[in-house]
Amino acid sequence: KAINAEQILLESGEASAADVMEIDLLGRGIEEMCSLEPFPAARTVDLGCNAIQNITGLDTNKEIRELKLHSNLITSVSGLKGYCWKVFFPSPRETLLFTSQHCNF
């Protein structure tokens, strides 16, 4: 099962993708994740409890502060370099903090 940007926007209730600050896709059975590039204001992204293997397309999402990936089938995550993220992976109790010089939590 895949999800696309239009579905994310519809579920957010916002009129524009640029206004979406939180993306909650917890437990949706998602296997393939679309790029989050259309959502530049997203600060919290919950992808927990799905069947996602690869996370890509995060290079332009500079506002994300929490990326929840627990309970997935993650084999690779790309696009984190140079940003400050709190990544919940692989379980809710284990947090990896990816930091850069410009972190302002």
N, C-alpha and C. Protein backbone atom coordinates (compact mmCIF):
# COMPACT_ATOMS: atom_id res chain seq x y z
N LYS A 1 0.85 -1.18 0.00
CA LYS A 1 0.00 0.00 0.00
C LYS A 1 0.89 1.24 0.00
N ALA A 2 0.58 2.18 -0.86
CA ALA A 2 1.34 3.42 -0.96
C ALA A 2 0.43 4.59 -0.58
N ILE A 3 1.07 5.70 -0.22
CA ILE A 3 0.32 6.92 0.06
C ILE A 3 0.94 8.04 -0.76
N ASN A 4 0.11 8.98 -1.19
CA ASN A 4 0.64 10.08 -1.98
C ASN A 4 0.37 11.41 -1.28
N ALA A 5 0.98 12.47 -1.83
CA ALA A 5 0.87 13.80 -1.23
C ALA A 5 -0.57 14.30 -1.17
N GLU A 6 -1.38 13.97 -2.17
CA GLU A 6 -2.77 14.41 -2.17
C GLU A 6 -3.55 13.81 -1.01
N GLN A 7 -3.28 12.53 -0.72
CA GLN A 7 -3.95 11.87 0.41
C GLN A 7 -3.53 12.50 1.74
N ILE A 8 -2.24 12.80 1.85
CA ILE A 8 -1.75 13.42 3.09
C ILE A 8 -2.41 14.78 3.29
N LEU A 9 -2.48 15.57 2.23
CA LEU A 9 -3.11 16.89 2.32
C LEU A 9 -4.57 16.77 2.70
N LEU A 10 -5.30 15.86 2.08
CA LEU A 10 -6.71 15.66 2.38
C LEU A 10 -6.91 15.31 3.85
N GLU A 11 -6.10 14.40 4.36
CA GLU A 11 -6.23 13.96 5.75
C GLU A 11 -5.84 15.05 6.75
N SER A 12 -4.97 15.96 6.33
CA SER A 12 -4.52 17.02 7.23
C SER A 12 -5.61 18.04 7.53
N GLY A 13 -6.53 18.20 6.58
CA GLY A 13 -7.58 19.20 6.74
C GLY A 13 -7.15 20.61 6.35
N GLU A 14 -5.92 20.77 5.93
CA GLU A 14 -5.42 22.08 5.51
C GLU A 14 -5.79 22.33 4.05
N ALA A 15 -5.86 23.60 3.67
CA ALA A 15 -6.18 23.96 2.29
C ALA A 15 -4.97 23.84 1.37
N SER A 16 -3.78 23.99 1.94
CA SER A 16 -2.56 23.98 1.15
C SER A 16 -1.51 23.09 1.81
N ALA A 17 -0.73 22.39 1.00
CA ALA A 17 0.34 21.55 1.52
C ALA A 17 1.36 22.38 2.30
N ALA A 18 1.53 23.62 1.91
CA ALA A 18 2.49 24.51 2.58
C ALA A 18 2.07 24.83 4.02
N ASP A 19 0.81 24.59 4.37
CA ASP A 19 0.31 24.87 5.72
C ASP A 19 0.32 23.66 6.64
N VAL A 20 0.64 22.50 6.14
CA VAL A 20 0.62 21.26 6.95
C VAL A 20 1.82 21.24 7.88
N MET A 21 1.56 21.24 9.19
CA MET A 21 2.63 21.23 10.19
C MET A 21 2.81 19.86 10.84
N GLU A 22 1.78 19.02 10.78
CA GLU A 22 1.84 17.69 11.38
C GLU A 22 1.29 16.67 10.39
N ILE A 23 2.05 15.59 10.24
CA ILE A 23 1.63 14.49 9.37
C ILE A 23 1.53 13.25 10.24
N ASP A 24 0.32 12.73 10.41
CA ASP A 24 0.09 11.57 11.25
C ASP A 24 -0.40 10.41 10.39
N LEU A 25 0.50 9.48 10.12
CA LEU A 25 0.18 8.30 9.31
C LEU A 25 0.40 7.02 10.11
N LEU A 26 0.22 7.10 11.40
CA LEU A 26 0.40 5.98 12.31
C LEU A 26 -0.55 4.83 11.96
N GLY A 27 0.02 3.63 11.79
CA GLY A 27 -0.78 2.42 11.63
C GLY A 27 -1.68 2.37 10.42
N ARG A 28 -1.21 2.83 9.28
CA ARG A 28 -2.03 2.85 8.06
C ARG A 28 -1.71 1.71 7.10
N GLY A 29 -0.76 0.84 7.47
CA GLY A 29 -0.40 -0.27 6.57
C GLY A 29 0.43 0.19 5.38
N ILE A 30 1.07 1.32 5.50
CA ILE A 30 1.83 1.90 4.39
C ILE A 30 3.12 1.11 4.15
N GLU A 31 3.35 0.76 2.91
CA GLU A 31 4.59 0.07 2.51
C GLU A 31 5.53 1.00 1.76
N GLU A 32 4.96 1.94 1.02
CA GLU A 32 5.75 2.90 0.25
C GLU A 32 5.35 4.31 0.62
N MET A 33 6.35 5.10 0.97
CA MET A 33 6.11 6.48 1.38
C MET A 33 6.48 7.43 0.26
N CYS A 34 5.63 8.41 0.00
CA CYS A 34 5.92 9.43 -1.01
C CYS A 34 6.89 10.45 -0.42
N SER A 35 7.41 11.30 -1.27
CA SER A 35 8.27 12.40 -0.83
C SER A 35 7.43 13.38 -0.01
N LEU A 36 8.04 13.95 1.01
CA LEU A 36 7.35 14.96 1.81
C LEU A 36 7.72 16.37 1.38
N GLU A 37 8.38 16.49 0.24
CA GLU A 37 8.79 17.79 -0.28
C GLU A 37 7.63 18.79 -0.40
N PRO A 38 6.42 18.36 -0.77
CA PRO A 38 5.31 19.33 -0.86
C PRO A 38 4.89 19.93 0.49
N PHE A 39 5.45 19.44 1.60
CA PHE A 39 5.05 19.86 2.94
C PHE A 39 6.22 20.53 3.68
N PRO A 40 6.64 21.71 3.23
CA PRO A 40 7.83 22.34 3.80
C PRO A 40 7.67 22.80 5.24
N ALA A 41 6.46 22.97 5.73
CA ALA A 41 6.23 23.44 7.11
C ALA A 41 6.06 22.30 8.11
N ALA A 42 6.06 21.06 7.64
CA ALA A 42 5.85 19.91 8.55
C ALA A 42 6.92 19.86 9.62
N ARG A 43 6.49 19.80 10.87
CA ARG A 43 7.43 19.73 12.00
C ARG A 43 7.42 18.36 12.66
N THR A 44 6.28 17.69 12.65
CA THR A 44 6.15 16.36 13.25
C THR A 44 5.60 15.41 12.20
N VAL A 45 6.31 14.28 12.02
CA VAL A 45 5.87 13.28 11.05
C VAL A 45 5.85 11.93 11.76
N ASP A 46 4.68 11.34 11.89
CA ASP A 46 4.54 10.04 12.54
C ASP A 46 4.22 8.99 11.49
N LEU A 47 5.20 8.14 11.22
CA LEU A 47 5.06 7.05 10.27
C LEU A 47 5.11 5.70 10.99
N GLY A 48 4.96 5.70 12.30
CA GLY A 48 5.06 4.49 13.09
C GLY A 48 4.01 3.44 12.75
N CYS A 49 4.33 2.19 13.06
CA CYS A 49 3.41 1.06 12.92
C CYS A 49 2.91 0.87 11.49
N ASN A 50 3.83 0.87 10.54
CA ASN A 50 3.53 0.61 9.15
C ASN A 50 4.47 -0.49 8.66
N ALA A 51 4.63 -0.62 7.37
CA ALA A 51 5.53 -1.63 6.79
C ALA A 51 6.54 -0.96 5.85
N ILE A 52 6.94 0.26 6.21
CA ILE A 52 7.85 1.05 5.37
C ILE A 52 9.27 0.52 5.49
N GLN A 53 9.93 0.37 4.35
CA GLN A 53 11.32 -0.10 4.34
C GLN A 53 12.32 1.03 4.12
N ASN A 54 11.98 1.97 3.25
CA ASN A 54 12.91 3.05 2.90
C ASN A 54 12.27 4.41 3.11
N ILE A 55 13.03 5.31 3.70
CA ILE A 55 12.61 6.69 3.88
C ILE A 55 13.55 7.55 3.06
N THR A 56 13.01 8.24 2.06
CA THR A 56 13.80 9.12 1.21
C THR A 56 13.02 10.42 0.98
N GLY A 57 13.63 11.35 0.29
CA GLY A 57 12.93 12.58 -0.07
C GLY A 57 12.74 13.54 1.08
N LEU A 58 13.63 13.49 2.07
CA LEU A 58 13.53 14.39 3.22
C LEU A 58 14.47 15.59 3.12
N ASP A 59 15.23 15.66 2.08
CA ASP A 59 16.28 16.67 1.93
C ASP A 59 15.77 18.10 2.04
N THR A 60 14.55 18.36 1.63
CA THR A 60 14.03 19.72 1.62
C THR A 60 13.14 20.04 2.82
N ASN A 61 12.91 19.09 3.69
CA ASN A 61 12.03 19.30 4.84
C ASN A 61 12.82 19.79 6.05
N LYS A 62 13.24 21.03 5.99
CA LYS A 62 14.10 21.59 7.02
C LYS A 62 13.40 21.87 8.35
N GLU A 63 12.07 21.89 8.36
CA GLU A 63 11.32 22.20 9.57
C GLU A 63 11.00 20.97 10.42
N ILE A 64 11.18 19.77 9.89
CA ILE A 64 10.86 18.57 10.68
C ILE A 64 11.75 18.50 11.91
N ARG A 65 11.11 18.31 13.06
CA ARG A 65 11.83 18.18 14.33
C ARG A 65 11.64 16.79 14.94
N GLU A 66 10.54 16.11 14.61
CA GLU A 66 10.31 14.75 15.08
C GLU A 66 9.88 13.88 13.92
N LEU A 67 10.59 12.78 13.76
CA LEU A 67 10.29 11.81 12.72
C LEU A 67 10.13 10.46 13.40
N LYS A 68 8.91 9.98 13.51
CA LYS A 68 8.62 8.74 14.23
C LYS A 68 8.55 7.58 13.24
N LEU A 69 9.49 6.64 13.38
CA LEU A 69 9.61 5.51 12.45
C LEU A 69 9.45 4.16 13.14
N HIS A 70 9.10 4.14 14.40
CA HIS A 70 9.04 2.89 15.15
C HIS A 70 8.06 1.89 14.54
N SER A 71 8.34 0.63 14.75
CA SER A 71 7.50 -0.48 14.29
C SER A 71 7.27 -0.48 12.79
N ASN A 72 8.37 -0.36 12.03
CA ASN A 72 8.37 -0.46 10.59
C ASN A 72 9.40 -1.51 10.18
N LEU A 73 9.68 -1.61 8.92
CA LEU A 73 10.67 -2.55 8.39
C LEU A 73 11.84 -1.77 7.79
N ILE A 74 12.22 -0.69 8.42
CA ILE A 74 13.21 0.26 7.90
C ILE A 74 14.56 -0.41 7.62
N THR A 75 15.04 -0.23 6.38
CA THR A 75 16.38 -0.68 6.01
C THR A 75 17.27 0.50 5.64
N SER A 76 16.65 1.64 5.25
CA SER A 76 17.47 2.82 4.95
C SER A 76 16.67 4.10 5.14
N VAL A 77 17.39 5.13 5.60
CA VAL A 77 16.84 6.46 5.77
C VAL A 77 17.84 7.42 5.15
N SER A 78 17.38 8.26 4.23
CA SER A 78 18.30 9.23 3.63
C SER A 78 17.69 10.63 3.70
N GLY A 79 18.57 11.61 3.67
CA GLY A 79 18.12 12.99 3.68
C GLY A 79 18.19 13.65 5.03
N LEU A 80 18.90 13.08 6.00
CA LEU A 80 18.98 13.65 7.34
C LEU A 80 20.19 14.56 7.53
N LYS A 81 21.18 14.45 6.69
CA LYS A 81 22.43 15.18 6.87
C LYS A 81 22.21 16.69 6.89
N GLY A 82 22.79 17.33 7.89
CA GLY A 82 22.75 18.77 7.97
C GLY A 82 21.53 19.34 8.66
N TYR A 83 20.62 18.49 9.12
CA TYR A 83 19.43 18.97 9.79
C TYR A 83 19.43 18.51 11.24
N CYS A 84 18.55 19.08 12.01
CA CYS A 84 18.40 18.69 13.41
C CYS A 84 17.07 17.98 13.56
N TRP A 85 17.12 16.70 13.84
CA TRP A 85 15.93 15.88 13.91
C TRP A 85 15.95 15.03 15.17
N LYS A 86 14.80 14.80 15.72
CA LYS A 86 14.64 13.79 16.75
C LYS A 86 13.93 12.64 16.05
N VAL A 87 14.63 11.51 15.91
CA VAL A 87 14.09 10.38 15.16
C VAL A 87 13.78 9.24 16.12
N PHE A 88 12.53 8.82 16.15
CA PHE A 88 12.11 7.71 17.00
C PHE A 88 12.18 6.44 16.17
N PHE A 89 13.23 5.62 16.45
CA PHE A 89 13.49 4.46 15.62
C PHE A 89 14.42 3.52 16.37
N PRO A 90 14.24 2.24 16.44
CA PRO A 90 13.15 1.46 15.86
C PRO A 90 11.99 1.24 16.80
N SER A 91 12.13 1.65 18.06
CA SER A 91 10.99 1.49 18.97
C SER A 91 10.73 2.82 19.66
N PRO A 92 9.55 3.02 20.22
CA PRO A 92 9.23 4.31 20.84
C PRO A 92 10.17 4.68 21.98
N ARG A 93 10.84 3.70 22.57
CA ARG A 93 11.72 3.98 23.70
C ARG A 93 13.14 4.35 23.29
N GLU A 94 13.48 4.15 22.04
CA GLU A 94 14.82 4.45 21.56
C GLU A 94 14.76 5.67 20.66
N THR A 95 15.46 6.71 21.04
CA THR A 95 15.46 7.94 20.27
C THR A 95 16.87 8.24 19.80
N LEU A 96 17.02 8.47 18.52
CA LEU A 96 18.28 8.90 17.97
C LEU A 96 18.13 10.37 17.64
N LEU A 97 19.06 11.19 18.07
CA LEU A 97 19.00 12.61 17.78
C LEU A 97 20.07 12.95 16.78
N PHE A 98 19.65 13.30 15.57
CA PHE A 98 20.56 13.72 14.52
C PHE A 98 20.68 15.23 14.64
N THR A 99 21.90 15.72 14.82
CA THR A 99 22.04 17.15 15.06
C THR A 99 22.99 17.81 14.07
N SER A 100 22.83 19.10 13.97
CA SER A 100 23.76 19.93 13.23
C SER A 100 24.09 21.12 14.12
N GLN A 101 24.84 22.04 13.62
CA GLN A 101 25.21 23.22 14.42
C GLN A 101 24.02 24.14 14.65
N HIS A 102 22.98 23.99 13.91
CA HIS A 102 21.88 24.96 13.93
C HIS A 102 20.61 24.43 14.55
N CYS A 103 20.73 23.63 15.60
CA CYS A 103 19.52 23.08 16.25
C CYS A 103 18.91 24.09 17.19
N ASN A 104 17.61 24.30 17.03
CA ASN A 104 16.87 25.18 17.92
C ASN A 104 15.56 24.51 18.30
N PHE A 105 15.62 23.59 19.24
CA PHE A 105 14.38 22.92 19.68
C PHE A 105 13.64 23.83 20.61
